[in-house]
């Protein structure tokens, strides 16, 4: 699965949807993708900051708890938690609860796709 993040708004979405529909009409195989569309590049950059992209890159390689991500990224766990929430709301990552024997539950952050593609159109 691939996650594609675009910043070309509705017009770009319509163009991609028509292209995909034509492929389906012709019986061509279409790779499953998740698309996230921002109205403009500035809106995309507000969500996908450099620190958040570092976080996504880390979980893309291996799912991890928020505390282990904070340690690996040398960041405050509260900041990582806020960033995870923002990325989860945007659909870039997902979280799940996991039993942590003897310590209750832990929240695991994982990628929504194996491949991420970011496209900004000015």
PDB file of N, CA and C in Angstrom:
ATOM      1  N   UNK A   1       0.851  -1.172   0.000  1.00  0.00           N
ATOM      2  CA  UNK A   1       0.000   0.000   0.000  1.00  0.00           C
ATOM      3  C   UNK A   1       0.892   1.229   0.000  1.00  0.00           C
ATOM      4  N   UNK A   2       0.445   2.243  -0.707  1.00  0.00           N
ATOM      5  CA  UNK A   2       1.208   3.482  -0.812  1.00  0.00           C
ATOM      6  C   UNK A   2       0.333   4.629  -0.337  1.00  0.00           C
ATOM      7  N   UNK A   3       0.912   5.577   0.398  1.00  0.00           N
ATOM      8  CA  UNK A   3       0.225   6.779   0.842  1.00  0.00           C
ATOM      9  C   UNK A   3       0.763   7.927   0.013  1.00  0.00           C
ATOM     10  N   UNK A   4      -0.133   8.655  -0.636  1.00  0.00           N
ATOM     11  CA  UNK A   4       0.253   9.795  -1.459  1.00  0.00           C
ATOM     12  C   UNK A   4      -0.344  11.047  -0.845  1.00  0.00           C
ATOM     13  N   UNK A   5       0.500  12.029  -0.560  1.00  0.00           N
ATOM     14  CA  UNK A   5       0.052  13.298   0.008  1.00  0.00           C
ATOM     15  C   UNK A   5       0.238  14.355  -1.063  1.00  0.00           C
ATOM     16  N   UNK A   6      -0.864  15.002  -1.443  1.00  0.00           N
ATOM     17  CA  UNK A   6      -0.830  16.026  -2.482  1.00  0.00           C
ATOM     18  C   UNK A   6      -1.305  17.351  -1.921  1.00  0.00           C
ATOM     19  N   UNK A   7      -0.852  18.427  -2.547  1.00  0.00           N
ATOM     20  CA  UNK A   7      -1.300  19.751  -2.125  1.00  0.00           C
ATOM     21  C   UNK A   7      -1.877  20.514  -3.308  1.00  0.00           C
ATOM     22  N   UNK A   8      -2.590  19.814  -4.176  1.00  0.00           N
ATOM     23  CA  UNK A   8      -3.140  20.467  -5.366  1.00  0.00           C
ATOM     24  C   UNK A   8      -4.651  20.633  -5.314  1.00  0.00           C
ATOM     25  N   UNK A   9      -5.241  20.427  -4.162  1.00  0.00           N
ATOM     26  CA  UNK A   9      -6.652  20.694  -3.957  1.00  0.00           C
ATOM     27  C   UNK A   9      -7.591  19.823  -4.770  1.00  0.00           C
ATOM     28  N   UNK A  10      -8.808  20.308  -4.929  1.00  0.00           N
ATOM     29  CA  UNK A  10      -9.863  19.561  -5.596  1.00  0.00           C
ATOM     30  C   UNK A  10      -9.552  19.309  -7.071  1.00  0.00           C
ATOM     31  N   UNK A  11      -8.976  20.295  -7.741  1.00  0.00           N
ATOM     32  CA  UNK A  11      -8.671  20.138  -9.169  1.00  0.00           C
ATOM     33  C   UNK A  11      -7.695  18.973  -9.396  1.00  0.00           C
ATOM     34  N   UNK A  12      -6.690  18.882  -8.586  1.00  0.00           N
ATOM     35  CA  UNK A  12      -5.728  17.788  -8.710  1.00  0.00           C
ATOM     36  C   UNK A  12      -6.362  16.450  -8.392  1.00  0.00           C
ATOM     37  N   UNK A  13      -7.210  16.442  -7.372  1.00  0.00           N
ATOM     38  CA  UNK A  13      -7.916  15.212  -7.010  1.00  0.00           C
ATOM     39  C   UNK A  13      -8.795  14.736  -8.160  1.00  0.00           C
ATOM     40  N   UNK A  14      -9.540  15.646  -8.773  1.00  0.00           N
ATOM     41  CA  UNK A  14     -10.422  15.281  -9.889  1.00  0.00           C
ATOM     42  C   UNK A  14      -9.615  14.690 -11.050  1.00  0.00           C
ATOM     43  N   UNK A  15      -8.490  15.294 -11.349  1.00  0.00           N
ATOM     44  CA  UNK A  15      -7.631  14.816 -12.438  1.00  0.00           C
ATOM     45  C   UNK A  15      -7.140  13.392 -12.162  1.00  0.00           C
ATOM     46  N   UNK A  16      -6.676  13.140 -10.931  1.00  0.00           N
ATOM     47  CA  UNK A  16      -6.195  11.803 -10.578  1.00  0.00           C
ATOM     48  C   UNK A  16      -7.327  10.780 -10.574  1.00  0.00           C
ATOM     49  N   UNK A  17      -8.504  11.183 -10.102  1.00  0.00           N
ATOM     50  CA  UNK A  17      -9.649  10.263 -10.063  1.00  0.00           C
ATOM     51  C   UNK A  17     -10.079   9.860 -11.474  1.00  0.00           C
ATOM     52  N   UNK A  18     -10.087  10.802 -12.399  1.00  0.00           N
ATOM     53  CA  UNK A  18     -10.454  10.488 -13.787  1.00  0.00           C
ATOM     54  C   UNK A  18      -9.430   9.549 -14.428  1.00  0.00           C
ATOM     55  N   UNK A  19      -8.158   9.797 -14.162  1.00  0.00           N
ATOM     56  CA  UNK A  19      -7.101   8.929 -14.703  1.00  0.00           C
ATOM     57  C   UNK A  19      -7.258   7.508 -14.171  1.00  0.00           C
ATOM     58  N   UNK A  20      -7.540   7.391 -12.891  1.00  0.00           N
ATOM     59  CA  UNK A  20      -7.730   6.082 -12.264  1.00  0.00           C
ATOM     60  C   UNK A  20      -8.976   5.383 -12.832  1.00  0.00           C
ATOM     61  N   UNK A  21     -10.052   6.139 -13.023  1.00  0.00           N
ATOM     62  CA  UNK A  21     -11.284   5.580 -13.580  1.00  0.00           C
ATOM     63  C   UNK A  21     -11.064   5.054 -14.995  1.00  0.00           C
ATOM     64  N   UNK A  22     -10.280   5.789 -15.790  1.00  0.00           N
ATOM     65  CA  UNK A  22      -9.976   5.329 -17.156  1.00  0.00           C
ATOM     66  C   UNK A  22      -9.216   4.000 -17.130  1.00  0.00           C
ATOM     67  N   UNK A  23      -8.253   3.895 -16.206  1.00  0.00           N
ATOM     68  CA  UNK A  23      -7.502   2.646 -16.082  1.00  0.00           C
ATOM     69  C   UNK A  23      -8.430   1.492 -15.727  1.00  0.00           C
ATOM     70  N   UNK A  24      -9.327   1.727 -14.796  1.00  0.00           N
ATOM     71  CA  UNK A  24     -10.266   0.689 -14.391  1.00  0.00           C
ATOM     72  C   UNK A  24     -11.190   0.304 -15.547  1.00  0.00           C
ATOM     73  N   UNK A  25     -11.631   1.307 -16.322  1.00  0.00           N
ATOM     74  CA  UNK A  25     -12.493   1.036 -17.479  1.00  0.00           C
ATOM     75  C   UNK A  25     -11.806   0.151 -18.512  1.00  0.00           C
ATOM     76  N   UNK A  26     -10.489   0.312 -18.632  1.00  0.00           N
ATOM     77  CA  UNK A  26      -9.718  -0.467 -19.596  1.00  0.00           C
ATOM     78  C   UNK A  26      -9.224  -1.791 -19.012  1.00  0.00           C
ATOM     79  N   UNK A  27      -9.636  -2.089 -17.791  1.00  0.00           N
ATOM     80  CA  UNK A  27      -9.262  -3.354 -17.163  1.00  0.00           C
ATOM     81  C   UNK A  27      -7.827  -3.401 -16.667  1.00  0.00           C
ATOM     82  N   UNK A  28      -7.182  -2.244 -16.548  1.00  0.00           N
ATOM     83  CA  UNK A  28      -5.806  -2.199 -16.071  1.00  0.00           C
ATOM     84  C   UNK A  28      -5.772  -2.366 -14.548  1.00  0.00           C
ATOM     85  N   UNK A  29      -4.699  -2.956 -14.087  1.00  0.00           N
ATOM     86  CA  UNK A  29      -4.505  -3.143 -12.654  1.00  0.00           C
ATOM     87  C   UNK A  29      -4.137  -1.802 -12.024  1.00  0.00           C
ATOM     88  N   UNK A  30      -4.797  -1.455 -10.948  1.00  0.00           N
ATOM     89  CA  UNK A  30      -4.530  -0.202 -10.248  1.00  0.00           C
ATOM     90  C   UNK A  30      -4.038  -0.544  -8.850  1.00  0.00           C
ATOM     91  N   UNK A  31      -2.848  -0.059  -8.522  1.00  0.00           N
ATOM     92  CA  UNK A  31      -2.287  -0.305  -7.191  1.00  0.00           C
ATOM     93  C   UNK A  31      -3.114   0.383  -6.123  1.00  0.00           C
ATOM     94  N   UNK A  32      -3.351  -0.300  -5.002  1.00  0.00           N
ATOM     95  CA  UNK A  32      -4.102   0.360  -3.920  1.00  0.00           C
ATOM     96  C   UNK A  32      -3.292   1.519  -3.346  1.00  0.00           C
ATOM     97  N   UNK A  33      -3.948   2.638  -3.173  1.00  0.00           N
ATOM     98  CA  UNK A  33      -3.310   3.828  -2.641  1.00  0.00           C
ATOM     99  C   UNK A  33      -4.261   4.543  -1.692  1.00  0.00           C
ATOM    100  N   UNK A  34      -3.680   5.253  -0.764  1.00  0.00           N
ATOM    101  CA  UNK A  34      -4.417   6.161   0.101  1.00  0.00           C
ATOM    102  C   UNK A  34      -3.967   7.556  -0.294  1.00  0.00           C
ATOM    103  N   UNK A  35      -4.905   8.443  -0.582  1.00  0.00           N
ATOM    104  CA  UNK A  35      -4.565   9.817  -0.948  1.00  0.00           C
ATOM    105  C   UNK A  35      -5.019  10.776   0.134  1.00  0.00           C
ATOM    106  N   UNK A  36      -4.132  11.682   0.499  1.00  0.00           N
ATOM    107  CA  UNK A  36      -4.456  12.779   1.402  1.00  0.00           C
ATOM    108  C   UNK A  36      -4.208  14.046   0.597  1.00  0.00           C
ATOM    109  N   UNK A  37      -5.208  14.902   0.512  1.00  0.00           N
ATOM    110  CA  UNK A  37      -5.091  16.104  -0.321  1.00  0.00           C
ATOM    111  C   UNK A  37      -5.203  17.345   0.563  1.00  0.00           C
ATOM    112  N   UNK A  38      -4.228  18.238   0.418  1.00  0.00           N
ATOM    113  CA  UNK A  38      -4.265  19.538   1.077  1.00  0.00           C
ATOM    114  C   UNK A  38      -4.585  20.582   0.009  1.00  0.00           C
ATOM    115  N   UNK A  39      -5.243  21.648   0.416  1.00  0.00           N
ATOM    116  CA  UNK A  39      -5.636  22.694  -0.527  1.00  0.00           C
ATOM    117  C   UNK A  39      -4.430  23.404  -1.140  1.00  0.00           C
ATOM    118  N   UNK A  40      -3.376  23.562  -0.371  1.00  0.00           N
ATOM    119  CA  UNK A  40      -2.178  24.229  -0.896  1.00  0.00           C
ATOM    120  C   UNK A  40      -0.940  23.730  -0.148  1.00  0.00           C
ATOM    121  N   UNK A  41       0.241  23.991  -0.694  1.00  0.00           N
ATOM    122  CA  UNK A  41       1.479  23.513  -0.065  1.00  0.00           C
ATOM    123  C   UNK A  41       1.685  24.019   1.368  1.00  0.00           C
ATOM    124  N   UNK A  42       1.232  25.237   1.661  1.00  0.00           N
ATOM    125  CA  UNK A  42       1.410  25.768   3.014  1.00  0.00           C
ATOM    126  C   UNK A  42       0.605  24.966   4.032  1.00  0.00           C
ATOM    127  N   UNK A  43      -0.584  24.541   3.671  1.00  0.00           N
ATOM    128  CA  UNK A  43      -1.384  23.705   4.570  1.00  0.00           C
ATOM    129  C   UNK A  43      -0.690  22.371   4.804  1.00  0.00           C
ATOM    130  N   UNK A  44      -0.068  21.830   3.756  1.00  0.00           N
ATOM    131  CA  UNK A  44       0.648  20.566   3.887  1.00  0.00           C
ATOM    132  C   UNK A  44       1.846  20.727   4.818  1.00  0.00           C
ATOM    133  N   UNK A  45       2.580  21.822   4.661  1.00  0.00           N
ATOM    134  CA  UNK A  45       3.776  22.060   5.468  1.00  0.00           C
ATOM    135  C   UNK A  45       3.419  22.310   6.932  1.00  0.00           C
ATOM    136  N   UNK A  46       2.220  22.830   7.206  1.00  0.00           N
ATOM    137  CA  UNK A  46       1.794  23.024   8.588  1.00  0.00           C
ATOM    138  C   UNK A  46       1.621  21.684   9.308  1.00  0.00           C
ATOM    139  N   UNK A  47       1.181  20.662   8.589  1.00  0.00           N
ATOM    140  CA  UNK A  47       0.993  19.336   9.190  1.00  0.00           C
ATOM    141  C   UNK A  47       2.274  18.518   9.115  1.00  0.00           C
ATOM    142  N   UNK A  48       2.930  18.545   7.982  1.00  0.00           N
ATOM    143  CA  UNK A  48       4.114  17.704   7.762  1.00  0.00           C
ATOM    144  C   UNK A  48       5.394  18.507   7.977  1.00  0.00           C
ATOM    145  N   UNK A  49       5.640  18.856   9.224  1.00  0.00           N
ATOM    146  CA  UNK A  49       6.860  19.582   9.576  1.00  0.00           C
ATOM    147  C   UNK A  49       8.060  18.635   9.480  1.00  0.00           C
ATOM    148  N   UNK A  50       9.245  19.187   9.570  1.00  0.00           N
ATOM    149  CA  UNK A  50      10.465  18.369   9.502  1.00  0.00           C
ATOM    150  C   UNK A  50      10.496  17.337  10.634  1.00  0.00           C
ATOM    151  N   UNK A  51      10.121  17.739  11.850  1.00  0.00           N
ATOM    152  CA  UNK A  51      10.125  16.807  12.989  1.00  0.00           C
ATOM    153  C   UNK A  51       9.098  15.700  12.798  1.00  0.00           C
ATOM    154  N   UNK A  52       7.947  16.044  12.278  1.00  0.00           N
ATOM    155  CA  UNK A  52       6.913  15.023  12.052  1.00  0.00           C
ATOM    156  C   UNK A  52       7.325  14.064  10.942  1.00  0.00           C
ATOM    157  N   UNK A  53       8.007  14.561   9.930  1.00  0.00           N
ATOM    158  CA  UNK A  53       8.489  13.670   8.870  1.00  0.00           C
ATOM    159  C   UNK A  53       9.565  12.731   9.397  1.00  0.00           C
ATOM    160  N   UNK A  54      10.409  13.213  10.302  1.00  0.00           N
ATOM    161  CA  UNK A  54      11.389  12.325  10.951  1.00  0.00           C
ATOM    162  C   UNK A  54      10.671  11.214  11.703  1.00  0.00           C
ATOM    163  N   UNK A  55       9.597  11.567  12.396  1.00  0.00           N
ATOM    164  CA  UNK A  55       8.804  10.606  13.146  1.00  0.00           C
ATOM    165  C   UNK A  55       8.188   9.565  12.201  1.00  0.00           C
ATOM    166  N   UNK A  56       7.598  10.028  11.107  1.00  0.00           N
ATOM    167  CA  UNK A  56       6.995   9.116  10.123  1.00  0.00           C
ATOM    168  C   UNK A  56       8.056   8.179   9.559  1.00  0.00           C
ATOM    169  N   UNK A  57       9.209   8.706   9.249  1.00  0.00           N
ATOM    170  CA  UNK A  57      10.289   7.884   8.703  1.00  0.00           C
ATOM    171  C   UNK A  57      10.701   6.802   9.692  1.00  0.00           C
ATOM    172  N   UNK A  58      10.720   7.131  10.969  1.00  0.00           N
ATOM    173  CA  UNK A  58      11.094   6.165  12.003  1.00  0.00           C
ATOM    174  C   UNK A  58      10.066   5.033  12.099  1.00  0.00           C
ATOM    175  N   UNK A  59       8.770   5.371  12.139  1.00  0.00           N
ATOM    176  CA  UNK A  59       7.747   4.325  12.263  1.00  0.00           C
ATOM    177  C   UNK A  59       7.549   3.578  10.950  1.00  0.00           C
ATOM    178  N   UNK A  60       7.935   4.188   9.849  1.00  0.00           N
ATOM    179  CA  UNK A  60       7.851   3.499   8.557  1.00  0.00           C
ATOM    180  C   UNK A  60       8.776   2.288   8.548  1.00  0.00           C
ATOM    181  N   UNK A  61       9.897   2.414   9.227  1.00  0.00           N
ATOM    182  CA  UNK A  61      10.839   1.302   9.331  1.00  0.00           C
ATOM    183  C   UNK A  61      10.408   0.279  10.373  1.00  0.00           C
ATOM    184  N   UNK A  62       9.850   0.779  11.510  1.00  0.00           N
ATOM    185  CA  UNK A  62       9.437  -0.139  12.575  1.00  0.00           C
ATOM    186  C   UNK A  62       8.437   0.566  13.498  1.00  0.00           C
ATOM    187  N   UNK A  63       7.304  -0.074  13.728  1.00  0.00           N
ATOM    188  CA  UNK A  63       6.313   0.461  14.662  1.00  0.00           C
ATOM    189  C   UNK A  63       6.941   0.585  16.041  1.00  0.00           C
ATOM    190  N   UNK A  64       6.509   1.599  16.792  1.00  0.00           N
ATOM    191  CA  UNK A  64       7.121   1.829  18.108  1.00  0.00           C
ATOM    192  C   UNK A  64       6.154   2.572  19.020  1.00  0.00           C
ATOM    193  N   UNK A  65       6.435   2.494  20.310  1.00  0.00           N
ATOM    194  CA  UNK A  65       5.639   3.243  21.285  1.00  0.00           C
ATOM    195  C   UNK A  65       6.054   4.709  21.244  1.00  0.00           C
ATOM    196  N   UNK A  66       5.212   5.556  21.776  1.00  0.00           N
ATOM    197  CA  UNK A  66       5.514   6.985  21.806  1.00  0.00           C
ATOM    198  C   UNK A  66       6.772   7.254  22.631  1.00  0.00           C
ATOM    199  N   UNK A  67       6.909   6.570  23.760  1.00  0.00           N
ATOM    200  CA  UNK A  67       8.100   6.802  24.598  1.00  0.00           C
ATOM    201  C   UNK A  67       9.380   6.342  23.904  1.00  0.00           C
ATOM    202  N   UNK A  68       9.329   5.216  23.188  1.00  0.00           N
ATOM    203  CA  UNK A  68      10.540   4.774  22.483  1.00  0.00           C
ATOM    204  C   UNK A  68      10.834   5.676  21.280  1.00  0.00           C
ATOM    205  N   UNK A  69       9.790   6.204  20.650  1.00  0.00           N
ATOM    206  CA  UNK A  69      10.008   7.169  19.561  1.00  0.00           C
ATOM    207  C   UNK A  69      10.656   8.436  20.105  1.00  0.00           C
ATOM    208  N   UNK A  70      10.162   8.905  21.240  1.00  0.00           N
ATOM    209  CA  UNK A  70      10.726  10.107  21.847  1.00  0.00           C
ATOM    210  C   UNK A  70      12.203   9.904  22.163  1.00  0.00           C
ATOM    211  N   UNK A  71      12.543   8.754  22.699  1.00  0.00           N
ATOM    212  CA  UNK A  71      13.946   8.469  23.024  1.00  0.00           C
ATOM    213  C   UNK A  71      14.792   8.386  21.759  1.00  0.00           C
ATOM    214  N   UNK A  72      14.287   7.688  20.745  1.00  0.00           N
ATOM    215  CA  UNK A  72      15.048   7.522  19.504  1.00  0.00           C
ATOM    216  C   UNK A  72      15.242   8.847  18.768  1.00  0.00           C
ATOM    217  N   UNK A  73      14.233   9.720  18.856  1.00  0.00           N
ATOM    218  CA  UNK A  73      14.306  11.005  18.167  1.00  0.00           C
ATOM    219  C   UNK A  73      14.893  12.110  19.041  1.00  0.00           C
ATOM    220  N   UNK A  74      15.207  11.752  20.304  1.00  0.00           N
ATOM    221  CA  UNK A  74      15.752  12.710  21.283  1.00  0.00           C
ATOM    222  C   UNK A  74      14.829  13.921  21.422  1.00  0.00           C
ATOM    223  N   UNK A  75      13.536  13.601  21.687  1.00  0.00           N
ATOM    224  CA  UNK A  75      12.523  14.636  21.838  1.00  0.00           C
ATOM    225  C   UNK A  75      11.707  14.374  23.089  1.00  0.00           C
ATOM    226  N   UNK A  76      11.016  15.393  23.548  1.00  0.00           N
ATOM    227  CA  UNK A  76      10.133  15.287  24.700  1.00  0.00           C
ATOM    228  C   UNK A  76       8.929  14.409  24.337  1.00  0.00           C
ATOM    229  N   UNK A  77       8.573  13.439  25.188  1.00  0.00           N
ATOM    230  CA  UNK A  77       7.428  12.561  24.891  1.00  0.00           C
ATOM    231  C   UNK A  77       6.109  13.304  24.657  1.00  0.00           C
ATOM    232  N   UNK A  78       5.897  14.423  25.361  1.00  0.00           N
ATOM    233  CA  UNK A  78       4.669  15.206  25.147  1.00  0.00           C
ATOM    234  C   UNK A  78       4.621  15.775  23.733  1.00  0.00           C
ATOM    235  N   UNK A  79       5.759  16.242  23.243  1.00  0.00           N
ATOM    236  CA  UNK A  79       5.818  16.785  21.881  1.00  0.00           C
ATOM    237  C   UNK A  79       5.567  15.686  20.857  1.00  0.00           C
ATOM    238  N   UNK A  80       6.149  14.529  21.090  1.00  0.00           N
ATOM    239  CA  UNK A  80       5.948  13.397  20.184  1.00  0.00           C
ATOM    240  C   UNK A  80       4.485  12.981  20.199  1.00  0.00           C
ATOM    241  N   UNK A  81       3.877  12.946  21.369  1.00  0.00           N
ATOM    242  CA  UNK A  81       2.462  12.576  21.493  1.00  0.00           C
ATOM    243  C   UNK A  81       1.586  13.553  20.696  1.00  0.00           C
ATOM    244  N   UNK A  82       1.866  14.867  20.814  1.00  0.00           N
ATOM    245  CA  UNK A  82       1.112  15.873  20.048  1.00  0.00           C
ATOM    246  C   UNK A  82       1.300  15.675  18.549  1.00  0.00           C
ATOM    247  N   UNK A  83       2.539  15.397  18.142  1.00  0.00           N
ATOM    248  CA  UNK A  83       2.816  15.189  16.718  1.00  0.00           C
ATOM    249  C   UNK A  83       2.128  13.935  16.191  1.00  0.00           C
ATOM    250  N   UNK A  84       2.131  12.877  16.984  1.00  0.00           N
ATOM    251  CA  UNK A  84       1.457  11.638  16.581  1.00  0.00           C
ATOM    252  C   UNK A  84      -0.036  11.896  16.393  1.00  0.00           C
ATOM    253  N   UNK A  85      -0.626  12.647  17.314  1.00  0.00           N
ATOM    254  CA  UNK A  85      -2.054  12.964  17.218  1.00  0.00           C
ATOM    255  C   UNK A  85      -2.357  13.752  15.941  1.00  0.00           C
ATOM    256  N   UNK A  86      -1.522  14.731  15.643  1.00  0.00           N
ATOM    257  CA  UNK A  86      -1.706  15.547  14.430  1.00  0.00           C
ATOM    258  C   UNK A  86      -1.575  14.678  13.175  1.00  0.00           C
ATOM    259  N   UNK A  87      -0.560  13.812  13.150  1.00  0.00           N
ATOM    260  CA  UNK A  87      -0.349  12.929  12.001  1.00  0.00           C
ATOM    261  C   UNK A  87      -1.464  11.895  11.870  1.00  0.00           C
ATOM    262  N   UNK A  88      -1.961  11.425  13.005  1.00  0.00           N
ATOM    263  CA  UNK A  88      -3.051  10.450  12.981  1.00  0.00           C
ATOM    264  C   UNK A  88      -4.335  11.102  12.447  1.00  0.00           C
ATOM    265  N   UNK A  89      -4.611  12.321  12.867  1.00  0.00           N
ATOM    266  CA  UNK A  89      -5.794  13.041  12.364  1.00  0.00           C
ATOM    267  C   UNK A  89      -5.704  13.297  10.865  1.00  0.00           C
ATOM    268  N   UNK A  90      -4.494  13.504  10.371  1.00  0.00           N
ATOM    269  CA  UNK A  90      -4.295  13.735   8.942  1.00  0.00           C
ATOM    270  C   UNK A  90      -4.331  12.430   8.143  1.00  0.00           C
ATOM    271  N   UNK A  91      -4.220  11.293   8.839  1.00  0.00           N
ATOM    272  CA  UNK A  91      -4.253  10.002   8.159  1.00  0.00           C
ATOM    273  C   UNK A  91      -2.896   9.478   7.728  1.00  0.00           C
ATOM    274  N   UNK A  92      -1.829  10.037   8.273  1.00  0.00           N
ATOM    275  CA  UNK A  92      -0.473   9.658   7.877  1.00  0.00           C
ATOM    276  C   UNK A  92       0.038   8.462   8.673  1.00  0.00           C
ATOM    277  N   UNK A  93      -0.339   8.366   9.949  1.00  0.00           N
ATOM    278  CA  UNK A  93       0.006   7.216  10.799  1.00  0.00           C
ATOM    279  C   UNK A  93      -1.259   6.767  11.516  1.00  0.00           C
ATOM    280  N   UNK A  94      -1.187   5.616  12.166  1.00  0.00           N
ATOM    281  CA  UNK A  94      -2.284   5.139  13.013  1.00  0.00           C
ATOM    282  C   UNK A  94      -1.679   4.620  14.304  1.00  0.00           C
ATOM    283  N   UNK A  95      -2.518   4.541  15.330  1.00  0.00           N
ATOM    284  CA  UNK A  95      -2.056   4.014  16.613  1.00  0.00           C
ATOM    285  C   UNK A  95      -2.969   2.870  17.029  1.00  0.00           C
ATOM    286  N   UNK A  96      -2.413   2.014  17.881  1.00  0.00           N
ATOM    287  CA  UNK A  96      -3.182   0.915  18.447  1.00  0.00           C
ATOM    288  C   UNK A  96      -2.693   0.705  19.873  1.00  0.00           C
ATOM    289  N   UNK A  97      -3.572   0.170  20.696  1.00  0.00           N
ATOM    290  CA  UNK A  97      -3.225  -0.142  22.083  1.00  0.00           C
ATOM    291  C   UNK A  97      -2.642  -1.549  22.138  1.00  0.00           C
ATOM    292  N   UNK A  98      -1.622  -1.716  22.949  1.00  0.00           N
ATOM    293  CA  UNK A  98      -0.994  -3.031  23.123  1.00  0.00           C
ATOM    294  C   UNK A  98      -0.759  -3.248  24.607  1.00  0.00           C
ATOM    295  N   UNK A  99      -0.968  -4.472  25.058  1.00  0.00           N
ATOM    296  CA  UNK A  99      -0.726  -4.797  26.461  1.00  0.00           C
ATOM    297  C   UNK A  99       0.777  -4.739  26.728  1.00  0.00           C
ATOM    298  N   UNK A 100       1.126  -4.077  27.810  1.00  0.00           N
ATOM    299  CA  UNK A 100       2.514  -3.981  28.243  1.00  0.00           C
ATOM    300  C   UNK A 100       2.587  -4.738  29.566  1.00  0.00           C
ATOM    301  N   UNK A 101       2.974  -6.018  29.550  1.00  0.00           N
ATOM    302  CA  UNK A 101       2.920  -6.858  30.753  1.00  0.00           C
ATOM    303  C   UNK A 101       3.523  -6.183  31.991  1.00  0.00           C
ATOM    304  N   UNK A 102       2.707  -6.136  33.031  1.00  0.00           N
ATOM    305  CA  UNK A 102       3.155  -5.540  34.290  1.00  0.00           C
ATOM    306  C   UNK A 102       3.061  -4.025  34.338  1.00  0.00           C
ATOM    307  N   UNK A 103       2.749  -3.392  33.209  1.00  0.00           N
ATOM    308  CA  UNK A 103       2.722  -1.921  33.160  1.00  0.00           C
ATOM    309  C   UNK A 103       1.485  -1.376  32.467  1.00  0.00           C
ATOM    310  N   UNK A 104       0.435  -2.176  32.348  1.00  0.00           N
ATOM    311  CA  UNK A 104      -0.797  -1.683  31.722  1.00  0.00           C
ATOM    312  C   UNK A 104      -0.770  -1.790  30.203  1.00  0.00           C
ATOM    313  N   UNK A 105      -1.092  -0.677  29.566  1.00  0.00           N
ATOM    314  CA  UNK A 105      -1.160  -0.654  28.105  1.00  0.00           C
ATOM    315  C   UNK A 105      -0.206   0.400  27.556  1.00  0.00           C
ATOM    316  N   UNK A 106       0.228   0.172  26.332  1.00  0.00           N
ATOM    317  CA  UNK A 106       1.107   1.116  25.658  1.00  0.00           C
ATOM    318  C   UNK A 106       0.504   1.419  24.285  1.00  0.00           C
ATOM    319  N   UNK A 107       0.671   2.634  23.841  1.00  0.00           N
ATOM    320  CA  UNK A 107       0.161   3.051  22.539  1.00  0.00           C
ATOM    321  C   UNK A 107       1.270   2.884  21.502  1.00  0.00           C
ATOM    322  N   UNK A 108       0.995   2.077  20.477  1.00  0.00           N
ATOM    323  CA  UNK A 108       1.973   1.810  19.422  1.00  0.00           C
ATOM    324  C   UNK A 108       1.622   2.635  18.188  1.00  0.00           C
ATOM    325  N   UNK A 109       2.612   3.288  17.628  1.00  0.00           N
ATOM    326  CA  UNK A 109       2.443   4.092  16.413  1.00  0.00           C
ATOM    327  C   UNK A 109       2.950   3.270  15.248  1.00  0.00           C
ATOM    328  N   UNK A 110       2.139   3.195  14.193  1.00  0.00           N
ATOM    329  CA  UNK A 110       2.543   2.412  13.025  1.00  0.00           C
ATOM    330  C   UNK A 110       2.179   3.159  11.749  1.00  0.00           C
ATOM    331  N   UNK A 111       2.854   2.835  10.656  1.00  0.00           N
ATOM    332  CA  UNK A 111       2.562   3.507   9.387  1.00  0.00           C
ATOM    333  C   UNK A 111       1.249   3.005   8.793  1.00  0.00           C
ATOM    334  N   UNK A 112       0.632   3.809   7.957  1.00  0.00           N
ATOM    335  CA  UNK A 112      -0.572   3.368   7.254  1.00  0.00           C
ATOM    336  C   UNK A 112      -0.219   2.755   5.897  1.00  0.00           C
ATOM    337  N   UNK A 113       1.035   2.929   5.482  1.00  0.00           N
ATOM    338  CA  UNK A 113       1.466   2.413   4.178  1.00  0.00           C
ATOM    339  C   UNK A 113       2.948   2.077   4.218  1.00  0.00           C
ATOM    340  N   UNK A 114       3.382   1.288   3.257  1.00  0.00           N
ATOM    341  CA  UNK A 114       4.812   0.951   3.149  1.00  0.00           C
ATOM    342  C   UNK A 114       5.578   2.052   2.443  1.00  0.00           C
ATOM    343  N   UNK A 115       4.910   2.759   1.551  1.00  0.00           N
ATOM    344  CA  UNK A 115       5.559   3.791   0.752  1.00  0.00           C
ATOM    345  C   UNK A 115       4.795   5.096   0.926  1.00  0.00           C
ATOM    346  N   UNK A 116       5.536   6.188   1.093  1.00  0.00           N
ATOM    347  CA  UNK A 116       4.950   7.521   1.219  1.00  0.00           C
ATOM    348  C   UNK A 116       5.457   8.382   0.077  1.00  0.00           C
ATOM    349  N   UNK A 117       4.562   9.096  -0.559  1.00  0.00           N
ATOM    350  CA  UNK A 117       4.951  10.005  -1.632  1.00  0.00           C
ATOM    351  C   UNK A 117       4.323  11.364  -1.356  1.00  0.00           C
ATOM    352  N   UNK A 118       5.146  12.397  -1.276  1.00  0.00           N
ATOM    353  CA  UNK A 118       4.677  13.754  -1.027  1.00  0.00           C
ATOM    354  C   UNK A 118       4.814  14.571  -2.305  1.00  0.00           C
ATOM    355  N   UNK A 119       3.754  15.266  -2.692  1.00  0.00           N
ATOM    356  CA  UNK A 119       3.774  16.080  -3.889  1.00  0.00           C
ATOM    357  C   UNK A 119       3.233  17.463  -3.546  1.00  0.00           C
ATOM    358  N   UNK A 120       4.023  18.485  -3.773  1.00  0.00           N
ATOM    359  CA  UNK A 120       3.562  19.861  -3.562  1.00  0.00           C
ATOM    360  C   UNK A 120       3.556  20.579  -4.905  1.00  0.00           C
ATOM    361  N   UNK A 121       2.427  21.172  -5.240  1.00  0.00           N
ATOM    362  CA  UNK A 121       2.295  21.872  -6.501  1.00  0.00           C
ATOM    363  C   UNK A 121       2.092  23.347  -6.194  1.00  0.00           C
ATOM    364  N   UNK A 122       2.981  24.194  -6.721  1.00  0.00           N
ATOM    365  CA  UNK A 122       2.871  25.663  -6.513  1.00  0.00           C
ATOM    366  C   UNK A 122       2.263  26.284  -7.738  1.00  0.00           C
TER     367      UNK A 122
END
